[in-house]
């Protein structure tokens, strides 16, 4: 596993969401997929790691997080709905006090 400065944000329903923020510059938040974006970076999945590192090299501040129920976020959760996942995104963005950001997604 790759050592990264992992932090936590708490969603409005109390679920703790693990995230990382790498680089400086305009924020680019990756909406977590079902596998978990933070976990993919930490274990070194080639695509996740390569894309993140390249974006950081281009001057972006890349934020990745694990969706509720996956990776390093709270795993024992009942609400896995789209609304719950939106609360996860809102928690991370709020914790980082981001007024504006680019939103990315990979599927």
PDB file of N, CA and C in Angstrom:
ATOM      1  N   UNK A   1       0.828  -1.195   0.000  1.00  0.00           N
ATOM      2  CA  UNK A   1       0.000   0.000   0.000  1.00  0.00           C
ATOM      3  C   UNK A   1       0.869   1.253   0.000  1.00  0.00           C
ATOM      4  N   UNK A   2       0.352   2.294  -0.605  1.00  0.00           N
ATOM      5  CA  UNK A   2       1.048   3.563  -0.706  1.00  0.00           C
ATOM      6  C   UNK A   2       0.615   4.444   0.459  1.00  0.00           C
ATOM      7  N   UNK A   3       1.584   5.021   1.144  1.00  0.00           N
ATOM      8  CA  UNK A   3       1.272   5.884   2.279  1.00  0.00           C
ATOM      9  C   UNK A   3       0.805   7.246   1.771  1.00  0.00           C
ATOM     10  N   UNK A   4      -0.393   7.638   2.182  1.00  0.00           N
ATOM     11  CA  UNK A   4      -0.952   8.938   1.812  1.00  0.00           C
ATOM     12  C   UNK A   4      -1.556   9.580   3.042  1.00  0.00           C
ATOM     13  N   UNK A   5      -1.643  10.895   3.056  1.00  0.00           N
ATOM     14  CA  UNK A   5      -2.236  11.589   4.207  1.00  0.00           C
ATOM     15  C   UNK A   5      -3.759  11.470   4.204  1.00  0.00           C
ATOM     16  N   UNK A   6      -4.292  10.367   4.730  1.00  0.00           N
ATOM     17  CA  UNK A   6      -5.731  10.123   4.739  1.00  0.00           C
ATOM     18  C   UNK A   6      -6.391  10.922   5.860  1.00  0.00           C
ATOM     19  N   UNK A   7      -7.564  11.471   5.538  1.00  0.00           N
ATOM     20  CA  UNK A   7      -8.348  12.225   6.508  1.00  0.00           C
ATOM     21  C   UNK A   7      -9.790  11.735   6.439  1.00  0.00           C
ATOM     22  N   UNK A   8     -10.620  12.260   7.334  1.00  0.00           N
ATOM     23  CA  UNK A   8     -12.030  11.866   7.364  1.00  0.00           C
ATOM     24  C   UNK A   8     -12.942  13.077   7.391  1.00  0.00           C
ATOM     25  N   UNK A   9     -14.070  12.930   6.708  1.00  0.00           N
ATOM     26  CA  UNK A   9     -15.166  13.892   6.764  1.00  0.00           C
ATOM     27  C   UNK A   9     -16.388  13.116   7.258  1.00  0.00           C
ATOM     28  N   UNK A  10     -17.296  13.791   7.923  1.00  0.00           N
ATOM     29  CA  UNK A  10     -18.496  13.123   8.426  1.00  0.00           C
ATOM     30  C   UNK A  10     -19.718  13.633   7.670  1.00  0.00           C
ATOM     31  N   UNK A  11     -20.439  12.715   7.051  1.00  0.00           N
ATOM     32  CA  UNK A  11     -21.648  13.064   6.307  1.00  0.00           C
ATOM     33  C   UNK A  11     -22.754  13.472   7.281  1.00  0.00           C
ATOM     34  N   UNK A  12     -23.786  14.116   6.759  1.00  0.00           N
ATOM     35  CA  UNK A  12     -24.862  14.625   7.609  1.00  0.00           C
ATOM     36  C   UNK A  12     -25.596  13.520   8.369  1.00  0.00           C
ATOM     37  N   UNK A  13     -25.476  12.276   7.917  1.00  0.00           N
ATOM     38  CA  UNK A  13     -26.110  11.169   8.632  1.00  0.00           C
ATOM     39  C   UNK A  13     -25.127  10.420   9.531  1.00  0.00           C
ATOM     40  N   UNK A  14     -23.935  11.009   9.748  1.00  0.00           N
ATOM     41  CA  UNK A  14     -22.970  10.451  10.687  1.00  0.00           C
ATOM     42  C   UNK A  14     -21.962   9.481  10.105  1.00  0.00           C
ATOM     43  N   UNK A  15     -22.048   9.163   8.831  1.00  0.00           N
ATOM     44  CA  UNK A  15     -21.119   8.229   8.206  1.00  0.00           C
ATOM     45  C   UNK A  15     -19.771   8.931   7.971  1.00  0.00           C
ATOM     46  N   UNK A  16     -18.691   8.266   8.417  1.00  0.00           N
ATOM     47  CA  UNK A  16     -17.343   8.814   8.227  1.00  0.00           C
ATOM     48  C   UNK A  16     -16.798   8.404   6.863  1.00  0.00           C
ATOM     49  N   UNK A  17     -16.330   9.393   6.105  1.00  0.00           N
ATOM     50  CA  UNK A  17     -15.836   9.189   4.751  1.00  0.00           C
ATOM     51  C   UNK A  17     -14.341   9.499   4.708  1.00  0.00           C
ATOM     52  N   UNK A  18     -13.564   8.509   4.285  1.00  0.00           N
ATOM     53  CA  UNK A  18     -12.108   8.665   4.173  1.00  0.00           C
ATOM     54  C   UNK A  18     -11.774   9.340   2.847  1.00  0.00           C
ATOM     55  N   UNK A  19     -10.841  10.303   2.892  1.00  0.00           N
ATOM     56  CA  UNK A  19     -10.451  10.992   1.668  1.00  0.00           C
ATOM     57  C   UNK A  19      -8.979  11.377   1.721  1.00  0.00           C
ATOM     58  N   UNK A  20      -8.442  11.693   0.542  1.00  0.00           N
ATOM     59  CA  UNK A  20      -7.099  12.251   0.429  1.00  0.00           C
ATOM     60  C   UNK A  20      -7.184  13.488  -0.455  1.00  0.00           C
ATOM     61  N   UNK A  21      -6.262  14.389  -0.237  1.00  0.00           N
ATOM     62  CA  UNK A  21      -6.122  15.582  -1.054  1.00  0.00           C
ATOM     63  C   UNK A  21      -4.652  15.688  -1.405  1.00  0.00           C
ATOM     64  N   UNK A  22      -4.363  15.649  -2.699  1.00  0.00           N
ATOM     65  CA  UNK A  22      -2.984  15.671  -3.171  1.00  0.00           C
ATOM     66  C   UNK A  22      -2.762  16.837  -4.111  1.00  0.00           C
ATOM     67  N   UNK A  23      -1.666  17.548  -3.938  1.00  0.00           N
ATOM     68  CA  UNK A  23      -1.321  18.635  -4.834  1.00  0.00           C
ATOM     69  C   UNK A  23      -1.914  19.963  -4.419  1.00  0.00           C
ATOM     70  N   UNK A  24      -1.594  20.961  -5.196  1.00  0.00           N
ATOM     71  CA  UNK A  24      -2.079  22.324  -4.989  1.00  0.00           C
ATOM     72  C   UNK A  24      -2.705  22.793  -6.291  1.00  0.00           C
ATOM     73  N   UNK A  25      -3.475  23.821  -6.215  1.00  0.00           N
ATOM     74  CA  UNK A  25      -4.097  24.357  -7.414  1.00  0.00           C
ATOM     75  C   UNK A  25      -5.596  24.187  -7.380  1.00  0.00           C
ATOM     76  N   UNK A  26      -6.222  24.321  -8.543  1.00  0.00           N
ATOM     77  CA  UNK A  26      -7.676  24.205  -8.591  1.00  0.00           C
ATOM     78  C   UNK A  26      -8.104  22.802  -8.161  1.00  0.00           C
ATOM     79  N   UNK A  27      -9.135  22.700  -7.303  1.00  0.00           N
ATOM     80  CA  UNK A  27      -9.556  21.380  -6.825  1.00  0.00           C
ATOM     81  C   UNK A  27     -10.334  20.594  -7.876  1.00  0.00           C
ATOM     82  N   UNK A  28      -9.998  19.312  -7.966  1.00  0.00           N
ATOM     83  CA  UNK A  28     -10.675  18.359  -8.833  1.00  0.00           C
ATOM     84  C   UNK A  28     -11.096  17.186  -7.957  1.00  0.00           C
ATOM     85  N   UNK A  29     -12.402  17.044  -7.740  1.00  0.00           N
ATOM     86  CA  UNK A  29     -12.931  16.006  -6.861  1.00  0.00           C
ATOM     87  C   UNK A  29     -13.439  14.852  -7.712  1.00  0.00           C
ATOM     88  N   UNK A  30     -12.926  13.664  -7.442  1.00  0.00           N
ATOM     89  CA  UNK A  30     -13.415  12.471  -8.120  1.00  0.00           C
ATOM     90  C   UNK A  30     -14.579  11.898  -7.321  1.00  0.00           C
ATOM     91  N   UNK A  31     -15.744  11.830  -7.948  1.00  0.00           N
ATOM     92  CA  UNK A  31     -16.896  11.195  -7.319  1.00  0.00           C
ATOM     93  C   UNK A  31     -16.564   9.713  -7.200  1.00  0.00           C
ATOM     94  N   UNK A  32     -16.597   9.197  -6.001  1.00  0.00           N
ATOM     95  CA  UNK A  32     -16.182   7.824  -5.758  1.00  0.00           C
ATOM     96  C   UNK A  32     -17.089   6.831  -6.466  1.00  0.00           C
ATOM     97  N   UNK A  33     -16.467   5.792  -7.017  1.00  0.00           N
ATOM     98  CA  UNK A  33     -17.252   4.721  -7.629  1.00  0.00           C
ATOM     99  C   UNK A  33     -17.425   3.584  -6.628  1.00  0.00           C
ATOM    100  N   UNK A  34     -17.994   2.487  -7.050  1.00  0.00           N
ATOM    101  CA  UNK A  34     -18.299   1.401  -6.117  1.00  0.00           C
ATOM    102  C   UNK A  34     -17.061   0.716  -5.553  1.00  0.00           C
ATOM    103  N   UNK A  35     -15.906   0.903  -6.173  1.00  0.00           N
ATOM    104  CA  UNK A  35     -14.694   0.267  -5.680  1.00  0.00           C
ATOM    105  C   UNK A  35     -13.934   1.147  -4.700  1.00  0.00           C
ATOM    106  N   UNK A  36     -14.218   2.435  -4.687  1.00  0.00           N
ATOM    107  CA  UNK A  36     -13.534   3.356  -3.790  1.00  0.00           C
ATOM    108  C   UNK A  36     -12.322   3.975  -4.453  1.00  0.00           C
ATOM    109  N   UNK A  37     -12.331   5.263  -4.586  1.00  0.00           N
ATOM    110  CA  UNK A  37     -11.245   5.971  -5.249  1.00  0.00           C
ATOM    111  C   UNK A  37      -9.999   6.073  -4.393  1.00  0.00           C
ATOM    112  N   UNK A  38     -10.168   6.342  -3.114  1.00  0.00           N
ATOM    113  CA  UNK A  38      -9.021   6.452  -2.211  1.00  0.00           C
ATOM    114  C   UNK A  38      -8.333   5.107  -2.083  1.00  0.00           C
ATOM    115  N   UNK A  39      -9.093   4.073  -1.873  1.00  0.00           N
ATOM    116  CA  UNK A  39      -8.528   2.741  -1.718  1.00  0.00           C
ATOM    117  C   UNK A  39      -7.759   2.328  -2.972  1.00  0.00           C
ATOM    118  N   UNK A  40      -8.290   2.629  -4.135  1.00  0.00           N
ATOM    119  CA  UNK A  40      -7.606   2.311  -5.388  1.00  0.00           C
ATOM    120  C   UNK A  40      -6.255   2.989  -5.492  1.00  0.00           C
ATOM    121  N   UNK A  41      -6.181   4.222  -5.051  1.00  0.00           N
ATOM    122  CA  UNK A  41      -4.908   4.944  -5.066  1.00  0.00           C
ATOM    123  C   UNK A  41      -3.948   4.342  -4.050  1.00  0.00           C
ATOM    124  N   UNK A  42      -4.438   4.078  -2.861  1.00  0.00           N
ATOM    125  CA  UNK A  42      -3.580   3.560  -1.781  1.00  0.00           C
ATOM    126  C   UNK A  42      -2.983   2.205  -2.115  1.00  0.00           C
ATOM    127  N   UNK A  43      -3.752   1.319  -2.758  1.00  0.00           N
ATOM    128  CA  UNK A  43      -3.202   0.002  -3.067  1.00  0.00           C
ATOM    129  C   UNK A  43      -2.446  -0.009  -4.385  1.00  0.00           C
ATOM    130  N   UNK A  44      -2.445   1.120  -5.075  1.00  0.00           N
ATOM    131  CA  UNK A  44      -1.630   1.262  -6.273  1.00  0.00           C
ATOM    132  C   UNK A  44      -2.236   0.741  -7.554  1.00  0.00           C
ATOM    133  N   UNK A  45      -3.589   0.766  -7.676  1.00  0.00           N
ATOM    134  CA  UNK A  45      -4.186   0.374  -8.944  1.00  0.00           C
ATOM    135  C   UNK A  45      -3.592   1.267 -10.023  1.00  0.00           C
ATOM    136  N   UNK A  46      -3.002   0.690 -11.053  1.00  0.00           N
ATOM    137  CA  UNK A  46      -2.251   1.483 -12.034  1.00  0.00           C
ATOM    138  C   UNK A  46      -3.022   2.656 -12.616  1.00  0.00           C
ATOM    139  N   UNK A  47      -4.253   2.443 -13.055  1.00  0.00           N
ATOM    140  CA  UNK A  47      -4.986   3.545 -13.676  1.00  0.00           C
ATOM    141  C   UNK A  47      -5.272   4.664 -12.684  1.00  0.00           C
ATOM    142  N   UNK A  48      -5.754   4.307 -11.507  1.00  0.00           N
ATOM    143  CA  UNK A  48      -6.086   5.317 -10.497  1.00  0.00           C
ATOM    144  C   UNK A  48      -4.844   6.088 -10.082  1.00  0.00           C
ATOM    145  N   UNK A  49      -3.782   5.388  -9.829  1.00  0.00           N
ATOM    146  CA  UNK A  49      -2.526   6.018  -9.401  1.00  0.00           C
ATOM    147  C   UNK A  49      -1.964   6.909 -10.510  1.00  0.00           C
ATOM    148  N   UNK A  50      -1.917   6.389 -11.731  1.00  0.00           N
ATOM    149  CA  UNK A  50      -1.332   7.134 -12.845  1.00  0.00           C
ATOM    150  C   UNK A  50      -2.124   8.403 -13.165  1.00  0.00           C
ATOM    151  N   UNK A  51      -3.435   8.286 -13.228  1.00  0.00           N
ATOM    152  CA  UNK A  51      -4.277   9.453 -13.530  1.00  0.00           C
ATOM    153  C   UNK A  51      -4.112  10.518 -12.443  1.00  0.00           C
ATOM    154  N   UNK A  52      -4.165  10.095 -11.194  1.00  0.00           N
ATOM    155  CA  UNK A  52      -4.026  11.041 -10.082  1.00  0.00           C
ATOM    156  C   UNK A  52      -2.686  11.751 -10.134  1.00  0.00           C
ATOM    157  N   UNK A  53      -1.622  10.997 -10.262  1.00  0.00           N
ATOM    158  CA  UNK A  53      -0.280  11.596 -10.263  1.00  0.00           C
ATOM    159  C   UNK A  53      -0.067  12.525 -11.452  1.00  0.00           C
ATOM    160  N   UNK A  54      -0.617  12.167 -12.589  1.00  0.00           N
ATOM    161  CA  UNK A  54      -0.486  13.053 -13.762  1.00  0.00           C
ATOM    162  C   UNK A  54      -1.246  14.356 -13.561  1.00  0.00           C
ATOM    163  N   UNK A  55      -2.451  14.261 -13.010  1.00  0.00           N
ATOM    164  CA  UNK A  55      -3.237  15.475 -12.759  1.00  0.00           C
ATOM    165  C   UNK A  55      -2.551  16.379 -11.743  1.00  0.00           C
ATOM    166  N   UNK A  56      -1.993  15.787 -10.691  1.00  0.00           N
ATOM    167  CA  UNK A  56      -1.238  16.568  -9.707  1.00  0.00           C
ATOM    168  C   UNK A  56      -0.054  17.235 -10.399  1.00  0.00           C
ATOM    169  N   UNK A  57       0.629  16.511 -11.281  1.00  0.00           N
ATOM    170  CA  UNK A  57       1.758  17.063 -12.028  1.00  0.00           C
ATOM    171  C   UNK A  57       1.362  18.209 -12.940  1.00  0.00           C
ATOM    172  N   UNK A  58       0.110  18.217 -13.374  1.00  0.00           N
ATOM    173  CA  UNK A  58      -0.391  19.302 -14.230  1.00  0.00           C
ATOM    174  C   UNK A  58      -0.883  20.503 -13.425  1.00  0.00           C
ATOM    175  N   UNK A  59      -0.789  20.415 -12.101  1.00  0.00           N
ATOM    176  CA  UNK A  59      -1.146  21.561 -11.266  1.00  0.00           C
ATOM    177  C   UNK A  59      -2.502  21.490 -10.596  1.00  0.00           C
ATOM    178  N   UNK A  60      -3.182  20.352 -10.648  1.00  0.00           N
ATOM    179  CA  UNK A  60      -4.471  20.207  -9.991  1.00  0.00           C
ATOM    180  C   UNK A  60      -4.294  19.765  -8.548  1.00  0.00           C
ATOM    181  N   UNK A  61      -5.254  20.089  -7.733  1.00  0.00           N
ATOM    182  CA  UNK A  61      -5.380  19.518  -6.398  1.00  0.00           C
ATOM    183  C   UNK A  61      -6.417  18.404  -6.528  1.00  0.00           C
ATOM    184  N   UNK A  62      -5.985  17.167  -6.438  1.00  0.00           N
ATOM    185  CA  UNK A  62      -6.867  16.019  -6.667  1.00  0.00           C
ATOM    186  C   UNK A  62      -7.377  15.485  -5.337  1.00  0.00           C
ATOM    187  N   UNK A  63      -8.694  15.364  -5.243  1.00  0.00           N
ATOM    188  CA  UNK A  63      -9.340  14.824  -4.044  1.00  0.00           C
ATOM    189  C   UNK A  63     -10.040  13.525  -4.432  1.00  0.00           C
ATOM    190  N   UNK A  64      -9.690  12.461  -3.720  1.00  0.00           N
ATOM    191  CA  UNK A  64     -10.316  11.153  -3.929  1.00  0.00           C
ATOM    192  C   UNK A  64     -10.847  10.659  -2.594  1.00  0.00           C
ATOM    193  N   UNK A  65     -11.956   9.947  -2.632  1.00  0.00           N
ATOM    194  CA  UNK A  65     -12.527   9.430  -1.391  1.00  0.00           C
ATOM    195  C   UNK A  65     -13.162   8.074  -1.620  1.00  0.00           C
ATOM    196  N   UNK A  66     -13.319   7.336  -0.531  1.00  0.00           N
ATOM    197  CA  UNK A  66     -14.005   6.046  -0.571  1.00  0.00           C
ATOM    198  C   UNK A  66     -15.464   6.251  -0.214  1.00  0.00           C
ATOM    199  N   UNK A  67     -16.327   5.769  -1.055  1.00  0.00           N
ATOM    200  CA  UNK A  67     -17.762   5.867  -0.814  1.00  0.00           C
ATOM    201  C   UNK A  67     -18.133   5.065   0.435  1.00  0.00           C
ATOM    202  N   UNK A  68     -19.213   5.431   1.066  1.00  0.00           N
ATOM    203  CA  UNK A  68     -19.714   4.711   2.251  1.00  0.00           C
ATOM    204  C   UNK A  68     -19.804   3.222   1.955  1.00  0.00           C
ATOM    205  N   UNK A  69     -19.381   2.443   2.929  1.00  0.00           N
ATOM    206  CA  UNK A  69     -19.445   0.996   2.786  1.00  0.00           C
ATOM    207  C   UNK A  69     -18.241   0.378   2.097  1.00  0.00           C
ATOM    208  N   UNK A  70     -17.278   1.194   1.659  1.00  0.00           N
ATOM    209  CA  UNK A  70     -16.131   0.679   0.918  1.00  0.00           C
ATOM    210  C   UNK A  70     -14.824   1.227   1.474  1.00  0.00           C
ATOM    211  N   UNK A  71     -13.749   0.518   1.202  1.00  0.00           N
ATOM    212  CA  UNK A  71     -12.406   0.993   1.519  1.00  0.00           C
ATOM    213  C   UNK A  71     -12.232   1.390   2.967  1.00  0.00           C
ATOM    214  N   UNK A  72     -11.735   2.591   3.173  1.00  0.00           N
ATOM    215  CA  UNK A  72     -11.438   3.081   4.514  1.00  0.00           C
ATOM    216  C   UNK A  72     -12.564   3.916   5.116  1.00  0.00           C
ATOM    217  N   UNK A  73     -13.654   4.091   4.390  1.00  0.00           N
ATOM    218  CA  UNK A  73     -14.828   4.778   4.939  1.00  0.00           C
ATOM    219  C   UNK A  73     -15.612   3.806   5.811  1.00  0.00           C
ATOM    220  N   UNK A  74     -16.585   4.348   6.583  1.00  0.00           N
ATOM    221  CA  UNK A  74     -17.421   3.471   7.411  1.00  0.00           C
ATOM    222  C   UNK A  74     -18.030   2.379   6.541  1.00  0.00           C
ATOM    223  N   UNK A  75     -17.928   1.150   7.010  1.00  0.00           N
ATOM    224  CA  UNK A  75     -18.392   0.010   6.226  1.00  0.00           C
ATOM    225  C   UNK A  75     -19.739  -0.522   6.691  1.00  0.00           C
ATOM    226  N   UNK A  76     -20.065  -0.349   7.945  1.00  0.00           N
ATOM    227  CA  UNK A  76     -21.322  -0.875   8.479  1.00  0.00           C
ATOM    228  C   UNK A  76     -22.395   0.207   8.379  1.00  0.00           C
ATOM    229  N   UNK A  77     -22.888   0.415   7.164  1.00  0.00           N
ATOM    230  CA  UNK A  77     -23.899   1.453   6.928  1.00  0.00           C
ATOM    231  C   UNK A  77     -25.110   0.828   6.252  1.00  0.00           C
ATOM    232  N   UNK A  78     -26.278   1.383   6.551  1.00  0.00           N
ATOM    233  CA  UNK A  78     -27.517   0.868   5.963  1.00  0.00           C
ATOM    234  C   UNK A  78     -27.876   1.592   4.672  1.00  0.00           C
ATOM    235  N   UNK A  79     -27.617   2.886   4.623  1.00  0.00           N
ATOM    236  CA  UNK A  79     -28.032   3.693   3.478  1.00  0.00           C
ATOM    237  C   UNK A  79     -26.934   3.707   2.413  1.00  0.00           C
ATOM    238  N   UNK A  80     -27.152   2.942   1.352  1.00  0.00           N
ATOM    239  CA  UNK A  80     -26.215   2.914   0.221  1.00  0.00           C
ATOM    240  C   UNK A  80     -26.839   3.559  -1.011  1.00  0.00           C
ATOM    241  N   UNK A  81     -27.837   4.396  -0.788  1.00  0.00           N
ATOM    242  CA  UNK A  81     -28.581   5.024  -1.880  1.00  0.00           C
ATOM    243  C   UNK A  81     -27.772   6.124  -2.559  1.00  0.00           C
ATOM    244  N   UNK A  82     -28.291   6.590  -3.687  1.00  0.00           N
ATOM    245  CA  UNK A  82     -27.679   7.720  -4.379  1.00  0.00           C
ATOM    246  C   UNK A  82     -27.660   8.942  -3.470  1.00  0.00           C
ATOM    247  N   UNK A  83     -28.726   9.156  -2.714  1.00  0.00           N
ATOM    248  CA  UNK A  83     -28.780  10.295  -1.794  1.00  0.00           C
ATOM    249  C   UNK A  83     -27.668  10.192  -0.749  1.00  0.00           C
ATOM    250  N   UNK A  84     -27.408   8.993  -0.268  1.00  0.00           N
ATOM    251  CA  UNK A  84     -26.325   8.787   0.683  1.00  0.00           C
ATOM    252  C   UNK A  84     -24.978   9.115   0.074  1.00  0.00           C
ATOM    253  N   UNK A  85     -24.797   8.723  -1.165  1.00  0.00           N
ATOM    254  CA  UNK A  85     -23.524   9.002  -1.848  1.00  0.00           C
ATOM    255  C   UNK A  85     -23.346  10.501  -2.103  1.00  0.00           C
ATOM    256  N   UNK A  86     -24.454  11.194  -2.351  1.00  0.00           N
ATOM    257  CA  UNK A  86     -24.377  12.652  -2.508  1.00  0.00           C
ATOM    258  C   UNK A  86     -23.988  13.285  -1.172  1.00  0.00           C
ATOM    259  N   UNK A  87     -24.499  12.749  -0.066  1.00  0.00           N
ATOM    260  CA  UNK A  87     -24.087  13.251   1.255  1.00  0.00           C
ATOM    261  C   UNK A  87     -22.587  13.039   1.478  1.00  0.00           C
ATOM    262  N   UNK A  88     -22.050  11.926   0.978  1.00  0.00           N
ATOM    263  CA  UNK A  88     -20.611  11.671   1.090  1.00  0.00           C
ATOM    264  C   UNK A  88     -19.815  12.760   0.372  1.00  0.00           C
ATOM    265  N   UNK A  89     -20.207  13.057  -0.858  1.00  0.00           N
ATOM    266  CA  UNK A  89     -19.540  14.103  -1.640  1.00  0.00           C
ATOM    267  C   UNK A  89     -19.642  15.442  -0.925  1.00  0.00           C
ATOM    268  N   UNK A  90     -20.835  15.773  -0.444  1.00  0.00           N
ATOM    269  CA  UNK A  90     -21.038  17.040   0.264  1.00  0.00           C
ATOM    270  C   UNK A  90     -20.172  17.118   1.518  1.00  0.00           C
ATOM    271  N   UNK A  91     -20.010  16.007   2.215  1.00  0.00           N
ATOM    272  CA  UNK A  91     -19.190  15.990   3.432  1.00  0.00           C
ATOM    273  C   UNK A  91     -17.730  16.295   3.111  1.00  0.00           C
ATOM    274  N   UNK A  92     -17.200  15.662   2.070  1.00  0.00           N
ATOM    275  CA  UNK A  92     -15.793  15.871   1.702  1.00  0.00           C
ATOM    276  C   UNK A  92     -15.585  17.312   1.228  1.00  0.00           C
ATOM    277  N   UNK A  93     -16.456  17.783   0.356  1.00  0.00           N
ATOM    278  CA  UNK A  93     -16.345  19.153  -0.161  1.00  0.00           C
ATOM    279  C   UNK A  93     -16.486  20.166   0.972  1.00  0.00           C
ATOM    280  N   UNK A  94     -17.408  19.918   1.884  1.00  0.00           N
ATOM    281  CA  UNK A  94     -17.600  20.817   3.029  1.00  0.00           C
ATOM    282  C   UNK A  94     -16.410  20.806   3.971  1.00  0.00           C
ATOM    283  N   UNK A  95     -15.867  19.634   4.230  1.00  0.00           N
ATOM    284  CA  UNK A  95     -14.707  19.516   5.133  1.00  0.00           C
ATOM    285  C   UNK A  95     -13.511  20.279   4.593  1.00  0.00           C
ATOM    286  N   UNK A  96     -13.382  20.302   3.268  1.00  0.00           N
ATOM    287  CA  UNK A  96     -12.272  21.015   2.628  1.00  0.00           C
ATOM    288  C   UNK A  96     -12.608  22.475   2.332  1.00  0.00           C
ATOM    289  N   UNK A  97     -13.815  22.905   2.685  1.00  0.00           N
ATOM    290  CA  UNK A  97     -14.278  24.284   2.465  1.00  0.00           C
ATOM    291  C   UNK A  97     -14.129  24.708   1.008  1.00  0.00           C
ATOM    292  N   UNK A  98     -14.530  23.838   0.097  1.00  0.00           N
ATOM    293  CA  UNK A  98     -14.430  24.148  -1.325  1.00  0.00           C
ATOM    294  C   UNK A  98     -15.697  24.865  -1.791  1.00  0.00           C
ATOM    295  N   UNK A  99     -15.548  26.098  -2.247  1.00  0.00           N
ATOM    296  CA  UNK A  99     -16.676  26.838  -2.799  1.00  0.00           C
ATOM    297  C   UNK A  99     -16.918  26.454  -4.253  1.00  0.00           C
ATOM    298  N   UNK A 100     -15.808  26.191  -4.961  1.00  0.00           N
ATOM    299  CA  UNK A 100     -15.872  25.806  -6.377  1.00  0.00           C
ATOM    300  C   UNK A 100     -14.892  24.665  -6.588  1.00  0.00           C
ATOM    301  N   UNK A 101     -15.277  23.740  -7.455  1.00  0.00           N
ATOM    302  CA  UNK A 101     -14.404  22.616  -7.772  1.00  0.00           C
ATOM    303  C   UNK A 101     -14.886  21.958  -9.057  1.00  0.00           C
ATOM    304  N   UNK A 102     -13.972  21.285  -9.705  1.00  0.00           N
ATOM    305  CA  UNK A 102     -14.331  20.462 -10.845  1.00  0.00           C
ATOM    306  C   UNK A 102     -14.692  19.080 -10.310  1.00  0.00           C
ATOM    307  N   UNK A 103     -15.714  18.469 -10.885  1.00  0.00           N
ATOM    308  CA  UNK A 103     -16.155  17.156 -10.462  1.00  0.00           C
ATOM    309  C   UNK A 103     -15.854  16.164 -11.575  1.00  0.00           C
ATOM    310  N   UNK A 104     -15.145  15.104 -11.242  1.00  0.00           N
ATOM    311  CA  UNK A 104     -14.773  14.082 -12.214  1.00  0.00           C
ATOM    312  C   UNK A 104     -15.366  12.750 -11.816  1.00  0.00           C
ATOM    313  N   UNK A 105     -15.575  11.905 -12.789  1.00  0.00           N
ATOM    314  CA  UNK A 105     -16.053  10.561 -12.516  1.00  0.00           C
ATOM    315  C   UNK A 105     -15.529   9.599 -13.559  1.00  0.00           C
ATOM    316  N   UNK A 106     -15.234   8.401 -13.117  1.00  0.00           N
ATOM    317  CA  UNK A 106     -14.748   7.357 -14.008  1.00  0.00           C
ATOM    318  C   UNK A 106     -15.582   6.115 -13.751  1.00  0.00           C
ATOM    319  N   UNK A 107     -16.031   5.481 -14.802  1.00  0.00           N
ATOM    320  CA  UNK A 107     -16.808   4.265 -14.635  1.00  0.00           C
ATOM    321  C   UNK A 107     -16.402   3.256 -15.683  1.00  0.00           C
TER     322      UNK A 107
END
